[in-house]
Amino acid sequence: MDRDELGAALREHAYLEGDFLLRSGRRSRYYLDKYRFETRPELLGPLGELIAATVREHEPEAARLAGPELGAVALAAAASLASGIPFLIVRKEAKGYGTAKRLEGAFEEGERVCLVEDVVTSAGAAIEAVDALRAAGLVVGSAVCVVDREEGGADALAEKGVRLQALFRASELLNAPKSAAKPHG
């Protein structure tokens, strides 16, 4: 599946119209339902490959990928499988039992990490993840997202010293033709 076909498939499977409240607190007339593309292997596999290629191009020194729970974990895992780069899971907060960690997965202080995100609007969740990774002594200078809604998230991340690379911009997907691909089961 090439990039154009993948964009059309994302629009076909994940684009919803209506009145939606976003995590950022903003309202939107459309929603890109990440679970409608992250739970479909025929989309998750190509997304993982494209994320891995983007990481190789823009953050070739990355020793780890990191995906904030819950939405970006499947994407980070797919990119990890495609790239061979291990990944971390960034919890919203440290769990209150067992190891009581905020970051799950092995890492060493000072390693360079590339954050993987699903849909970025204001980048609030991404910034929280960056802060948690940096608090653990990791170096974060870049992030890759599937869709940038183009509503200030890239600028907010830039203010934190993180460059955002988007596989797709919302404006591209909103104008993408419907996919001619046949749906899978």
C-alpha atoms as a PDB file:
ATOM      1  CA  MET A   1       0.000   0.000   0.000  1.00  0.00           C
ATOM      2  CA  ASP A   2       1.573   3.318  -1.025  1.00  0.00           C
ATOM      3  CA  ARG A   3       1.247   6.543   0.974  1.00  0.00           C
ATOM      4  CA  ASP A   4      -1.709   7.851  -1.072  1.00  0.00           C
ATOM      5  CA  GLU A   5      -3.602   4.574  -0.691  1.00  0.00           C
ATOM      6  CA  LEU A   6      -2.850   4.575   3.031  1.00  0.00           C
ATOM      7  CA  GLY A   7      -4.162   8.141   3.387  1.00  0.00           C
ATOM      8  CA  ALA A   8      -7.335   7.243   1.510  1.00  0.00           C
ATOM      9  CA  ALA A   9      -7.802   4.158   3.693  1.00  0.00           C
ATOM     10  CA  LEU A  10      -7.326   6.235   6.864  1.00  0.00           C
ATOM     11  CA  ARG A  11      -9.996   8.639   5.703  1.00  0.00           C
ATOM     12  CA  GLU A  12     -12.340   5.825   4.744  1.00  0.00           C
ATOM     13  CA  HIS A  13     -12.003   3.932   8.027  1.00  0.00           C
ATOM     14  CA  ALA A  14     -11.333   6.639  10.637  1.00  0.00           C
ATOM     15  CA  TYR A  15     -12.948   9.895   9.495  1.00  0.00           C
ATOM     16  CA  LEU A  16     -16.221  10.703  11.260  1.00  0.00           C
ATOM     17  CA  GLU A  17     -18.404  13.813  10.977  1.00  0.00           C
ATOM     18  CA  GLY A  18     -20.542  15.246  13.768  1.00  0.00           C
ATOM     19  CA  ASP A  19     -19.985  17.267  16.925  1.00  0.00           C
ATOM     20  CA  PHE A  20     -17.017  15.962  18.903  1.00  0.00           C
ATOM     21  CA  LEU A  21     -15.251  17.048  22.069  1.00  0.00           C
ATOM     22  CA  LEU A  22     -11.499  16.562  21.674  1.00  0.00           C
ATOM     23  CA  ARG A  23      -8.987  15.758  24.433  1.00  0.00           C
ATOM     24  CA  SER A  24      -7.768  19.353  24.105  1.00  0.00           C
ATOM     25  CA  GLY A  25     -11.215  20.572  25.209  1.00  0.00           C
ATOM     26  CA  ARG A  26     -11.944  21.966  21.758  1.00  0.00           C
ATOM     27  CA  ARG A  27     -15.020  21.001  19.754  1.00  0.00           C
ATOM     28  CA  SER A  28     -14.691  19.756  16.208  1.00  0.00           C
ATOM     29  CA  ARG A  29     -17.012  18.975  13.316  1.00  0.00           C
ATOM     30  CA  TYR A  30     -14.869  15.930  12.490  1.00  0.00           C
ATOM     31  CA  TYR A  31     -13.020  13.237  14.382  1.00  0.00           C
ATOM     32  CA  LEU A  32     -10.252  10.887  13.299  1.00  0.00           C
ATOM     33  CA  ASP A  33     -10.928   7.748  15.330  1.00  0.00           C
ATOM     34  CA  LYS A  34      -7.467   6.285  15.874  1.00  0.00           C
ATOM     35  CA  TYR A  35      -8.870   2.973  17.039  1.00  0.00           C
ATOM     36  CA  ARG A  36     -10.485   2.480  13.650  1.00  0.00           C
ATOM     37  CA  PHE A  37      -7.036   2.403  12.057  1.00  0.00           C
ATOM     38  CA  GLU A  38      -4.903   1.054  14.912  1.00  0.00           C
ATOM     39  CA  THR A  39      -6.989  -2.098  15.283  1.00  0.00           C
ATOM     40  CA  ARG A  40      -6.919  -3.039  11.588  1.00  0.00           C
ATOM     41  CA  PRO A  41      -3.785  -5.044  10.732  1.00  0.00           C
ATOM     42  CA  GLU A  42      -3.989  -4.052   7.047  1.00  0.00           C
ATOM     43  CA  LEU A  43      -3.566  -0.404   8.170  1.00  0.00           C
ATOM     44  CA  LEU A  44      -1.464  -0.848  11.323  1.00  0.00           C
ATOM     45  CA  GLY A  45       1.276  -2.760   9.461  1.00  0.00           C
ATOM     46  CA  PRO A  46       1.808  -0.109   6.767  1.00  0.00           C
ATOM     47  CA  LEU A  47       1.578   2.660   9.386  1.00  0.00           C
ATOM     48  CA  GLY A  48       4.297   0.934  11.426  1.00  0.00           C
ATOM     49  CA  GLU A  49       6.503   0.714   8.337  1.00  0.00           C
ATOM     50  CA  LEU A  50       5.943   4.375   7.474  1.00  0.00           C
ATOM     51  CA  ILE A  51       6.632   5.476  11.061  1.00  0.00           C
ATOM     52  CA  ALA A  52       9.826   3.372  11.078  1.00  0.00           C
ATOM     53  CA  ALA A  53      10.975   4.953   7.789  1.00  0.00           C
ATOM     54  CA  THR A  54      10.217   8.433   9.146  1.00  0.00           C
ATOM     55  CA  VAL A  55      12.195   7.732  12.324  1.00  0.00           C
ATOM     56  CA  ARG A  56      15.147   6.449  10.253  1.00  0.00           C
ATOM     57  CA  GLU A  57      15.058   9.644   8.168  1.00  0.00           C
ATOM     58  CA  HIS A  58      14.473  12.256  10.884  1.00  0.00           C
ATOM     59  CA  GLU A  59      15.861  10.661  14.079  1.00  0.00           C
ATOM     60  CA  PRO A  60      18.422   8.074  12.926  1.00  0.00           C
ATOM     61  CA  GLU A  61      20.133   8.048  16.338  1.00  0.00           C
ATOM     62  CA  ALA A  62      16.977   6.895  18.163  1.00  0.00           C
ATOM     63  CA  ALA A  63      17.745   4.027  20.528  1.00  0.00           C
ATOM     64  CA  ARG A  64      14.094   3.726  21.592  1.00  0.00           C
ATOM     65  CA  LEU A  65      10.610   4.606  20.433  1.00  0.00           C
ATOM     66  CA  ALA A  66       8.006   5.646  22.984  1.00  0.00           C
ATOM     67  CA  GLY A  67       4.236   5.461  22.770  1.00  0.00           C
ATOM     68  CA  PRO A  68       1.919   7.134  25.282  1.00  0.00           C
ATOM     69  CA  GLU A  69      -0.841   4.880  26.550  1.00  0.00           C
ATOM     70  CA  LEU A  70      -3.310   3.898  25.257  1.00  0.00           C
ATOM     71  CA  GLY A  71      -3.631   5.174  21.738  1.00  0.00           C
ATOM     72  CA  ALA A  72      -0.024   5.185  20.572  1.00  0.00           C
ATOM     73  CA  VAL A  73       1.072   1.861  22.048  1.00  0.00           C
ATOM     74  CA  ALA A  74      -0.058  -0.218  19.062  1.00  0.00           C
ATOM     75  CA  LEU A  75       1.641   2.250  16.702  1.00  0.00           C
ATOM     76  CA  ALA A  76       4.901   2.172  18.674  1.00  0.00           C
ATOM     77  CA  ALA A  77       4.791  -1.631  18.692  1.00  0.00           C
ATOM     78  CA  ALA A  78       4.183  -1.776  14.928  1.00  0.00           C
ATOM     79  CA  ALA A  79       7.021   0.699  14.294  1.00  0.00           C
ATOM     80  CA  SER A  80       9.264  -1.286  16.640  1.00  0.00           C
ATOM     81  CA  LEU A  81       8.576  -4.491  14.712  1.00  0.00           C
ATOM     82  CA  ALA A  82       9.227  -2.721  11.397  1.00  0.00           C
ATOM     83  CA  SER A  83      12.428  -0.995  12.560  1.00  0.00           C
ATOM     84  CA  GLY A  84      13.932  -3.324  15.145  1.00  0.00           C
ATOM     85  CA  ILE A  85      14.083  -0.370  17.577  1.00  0.00           C
ATOM     86  CA  PRO A  86      12.791  -1.284  21.058  1.00  0.00           C
ATOM     87  CA  PHE A  87       9.943   0.783  22.462  1.00  0.00           C
ATOM     88  CA  LEU A  88       8.717   2.149  25.753  1.00  0.00           C
ATOM     89  CA  ILE A  89       5.174   2.642  26.961  1.00  0.00           C
ATOM     90  CA  VAL A  90       4.556   5.962  28.679  1.00  0.00           C
ATOM     91  CA  ARG A  91       1.821   5.644  31.290  1.00  0.00           C
ATOM     92  CA  LYS A  92      -0.444   8.588  32.028  1.00  0.00           C
ATOM     93  CA  GLU A  93       0.706   8.216  35.627  1.00  0.00           C
ATOM     94  CA  ALA A  94       2.862   5.787  37.576  1.00  0.00           C
ATOM     95  CA  LYS A  95       0.957   2.681  38.503  1.00  0.00           C
ATOM     96  CA  GLY A  96       0.274   2.291  42.198  1.00  0.00           C
ATOM     97  CA  TYR A  97       1.423  -1.324  42.471  1.00  0.00           C
ATOM     98  CA  GLY A  98       4.208  -3.667  41.390  1.00  0.00           C
ATOM     99  CA  THR A  99       7.166  -1.650  40.118  1.00  0.00           C
ATOM    100  CA  ALA A 100       5.189   1.639  40.278  1.00  0.00           C
ATOM    101  CA  LYS A 101       6.768   2.830  37.018  1.00  0.00           C
ATOM    102  CA  ARG A 102       5.601   5.570  34.680  1.00  0.00           C
ATOM    103  CA  LEU A 103       7.731   4.166  31.835  1.00  0.00           C
ATOM    104  CA  GLU A 104       7.438   0.507  30.893  1.00  0.00           C
ATOM    105  CA  GLY A 105      10.293  -1.174  29.079  1.00  0.00           C
ATOM    106  CA  ALA A 106      14.061  -1.250  29.468  1.00  0.00           C
ATOM    107  CA  PHE A 107      16.157   1.849  28.811  1.00  0.00           C
ATOM    108  CA  GLU A 108      19.338   3.570  29.899  1.00  0.00           C
ATOM    109  CA  GLU A 109      19.603   7.178  30.972  1.00  0.00           C
ATOM    110  CA  GLY A 110      20.853   9.410  28.167  1.00  0.00           C
ATOM    111  CA  GLU A 111      19.372   7.356  25.328  1.00  0.00           C
ATOM    112  CA  ARG A 112      17.716   9.208  22.460  1.00  0.00           C
ATOM    113  CA  VAL A 113      13.992   8.468  22.124  1.00  0.00           C
ATOM    114  CA  CYS A 114      11.561   9.280  19.325  1.00  0.00           C
ATOM    115  CA  LEU A 115       8.000   9.773  20.520  1.00  0.00           C
ATOM    116  CA  VAL A 116       5.258   8.071  18.475  1.00  0.00           C
ATOM    117  CA  GLU A 117       1.773   9.594  18.539  1.00  0.00           C
ATOM    118  CA  ASP A 118      -1.534   8.929  16.825  1.00  0.00           C
ATOM    119  CA  VAL A 119      -3.446  12.178  16.262  1.00  0.00           C
ATOM    120  CA  VAL A 120      -1.964  15.494  17.448  1.00  0.00           C
ATOM    121  CA  THR A 121      -4.224  18.495  18.055  1.00  0.00           C
ATOM    122  CA  SER A 122      -2.805  20.719  20.810  1.00  0.00           C
ATOM    123  CA  ALA A 123      -0.071  18.151  21.685  1.00  0.00           C
ATOM    124  CA  GLY A 124      -1.081  18.060  25.363  1.00  0.00           C
ATOM    125  CA  ALA A 125      -0.642  14.291  25.714  1.00  0.00           C
ATOM    126  CA  ALA A 126       2.573  14.345  23.682  1.00  0.00           C
ATOM    127  CA  ILE A 127       4.058  17.077  25.873  1.00  0.00           C
ATOM    128  CA  GLU A 128       3.141  15.145  29.026  1.00  0.00           C
ATOM    129  CA  ALA A 129       4.902  12.085  27.561  1.00  0.00           C
ATOM    130  CA  VAL A 130       7.975  14.146  26.601  1.00  0.00           C
ATOM    131  CA  ASP A 131       8.146  15.528  30.152  1.00  0.00           C
ATOM    132  CA  ALA A 132       7.942  12.005  31.629  1.00  0.00           C
ATOM    133  CA  LEU A 133      10.654  10.690  29.293  1.00  0.00           C
ATOM    134  CA  ARG A 134      12.951  13.616  30.050  1.00  0.00           C
ATOM    135  CA  ALA A 135      12.326  13.256  33.791  1.00  0.00           C
ATOM    136  CA  ALA A 136      13.678   9.702  33.454  1.00  0.00           C
ATOM    137  CA  GLY A 137      16.873  11.041  31.876  1.00  0.00           C
ATOM    138  CA  LEU A 138      16.028  10.288  28.248  1.00  0.00           C
ATOM    139  CA  VAL A 139      16.697  12.665  25.347  1.00  0.00           C
ATOM    140  CA  VAL A 140      13.646  13.567  23.245  1.00  0.00           C
ATOM    141  CA  GLY A 141      14.036  15.870  20.249  1.00  0.00           C
ATOM    142  CA  SER A 142      11.534  14.467  17.789  1.00  0.00           C
ATOM    143  CA  ALA A 143       8.082  12.963  17.501  1.00  0.00           C
ATOM    144  CA  VAL A 144       6.266  11.204  14.687  1.00  0.00           C
ATOM    145  CA  CYS A 145       2.481  11.252  14.502  1.00  0.00           C
ATOM    146  CA  VAL A 146       0.058   9.633  12.102  1.00  0.00           C
ATOM    147  CA  VAL A 147      -2.088  12.778  11.742  1.00  0.00           C
ATOM    148  CA  ASP A 148      -1.391  16.398  12.627  1.00  0.00           C
ATOM    149  CA  ARG A 149      -4.745  18.171  12.918  1.00  0.00           C
ATOM    150  CA  GLU A 150      -2.832  21.419  12.259  1.00  0.00           C
ATOM    151  CA  GLU A 151      -4.271  23.116  15.350  1.00  0.00           C
ATOM    152  CA  GLY A 152      -1.087  24.216  17.122  1.00  0.00           C
ATOM    153  CA  GLY A 153       0.390  20.910  18.261  1.00  0.00           C
ATOM    154  CA  ALA A 154       3.554  21.184  16.155  1.00  0.00           C
ATOM    155  CA  ASP A 155       4.221  24.682  17.524  1.00  0.00           C
ATOM    156  CA  ALA A 156       3.572  23.571  21.121  1.00  0.00           C
ATOM    157  CA  LEU A 157       6.045  20.711  20.705  1.00  0.00           C
ATOM    158  CA  ALA A 158       8.585  23.032  19.065  1.00  0.00           C
ATOM    159  CA  GLU A 159       8.415  25.236  22.165  1.00  0.00           C
ATOM    160  CA  LYS A 160       9.540  22.141  24.124  1.00  0.00           C
ATOM    161  CA  GLY A 161      12.405  21.524  21.667  1.00  0.00           C
ATOM    162  CA  VAL A 162      10.646  18.658  19.870  1.00  0.00           C
ATOM    163  CA  ARG A 163      10.263  18.518  16.076  1.00  0.00           C
ATOM    164  CA  LEU A 164       7.000  16.927  14.928  1.00  0.00           C
ATOM    165  CA  GLN A 165       6.986  14.866  11.751  1.00  0.00           C
ATOM    166  CA  ALA A 166       3.471  14.017  10.596  1.00  0.00           C
ATOM    167  CA  LEU A 167       2.761  11.129   8.242  1.00  0.00           C
ATOM    168  CA  PHE A 168      -0.374  13.023   7.199  1.00  0.00           C
ATOM    169  CA  ARG A 169      -1.820  16.460   7.811  1.00  0.00           C
ATOM    170  CA  ALA A 170      -5.551  16.681   8.488  1.00  0.00           C
ATOM    171  CA  SER A 171      -5.977  18.952   5.450  1.00  0.00           C
ATOM    172  CA  GLU A 172      -4.564  16.174   3.246  1.00  0.00           C
ATOM    173  CA  LEU A 173      -6.884  13.526   4.664  1.00  0.00           C
ATOM    174  CA  LEU A 174      -9.956  15.732   4.535  1.00  0.00           C
ATOM    175  CA  ASN A 175      -9.346  16.228   0.820  1.00  0.00           C
ATOM    176  CA  ALA A 176      -8.309  12.635   0.097  1.00  0.00           C
ATOM    177  CA  PRO A 177     -10.548  10.616  -2.196  1.00  0.00           C
ATOM    178  CA  LYS A 178     -12.321   7.597  -0.795  1.00  0.00           C
ATOM    179  CA  SER A 179     -10.225   4.461  -1.007  1.00  0.00           C
ATOM    180  CA  ALA A 180     -10.905   2.026  -3.815  1.00  0.00           C
ATOM    181  CA  ALA A 181      -9.443  -0.743  -1.658  1.00  0.00           C
ATOM    182  CA  LYS A 182     -11.784  -3.526  -0.707  1.00  0.00           C
ATOM    183  CA  PRO A 183     -12.511  -3.675   3.021  1.00  0.00           C
ATOM    184  CA  HIS A 184     -11.136  -6.655   4.928  1.00  0.00           C
ATOM    185  CA  GLY A 185     -13.550  -8.655   7.060  1.00  0.00           C
END
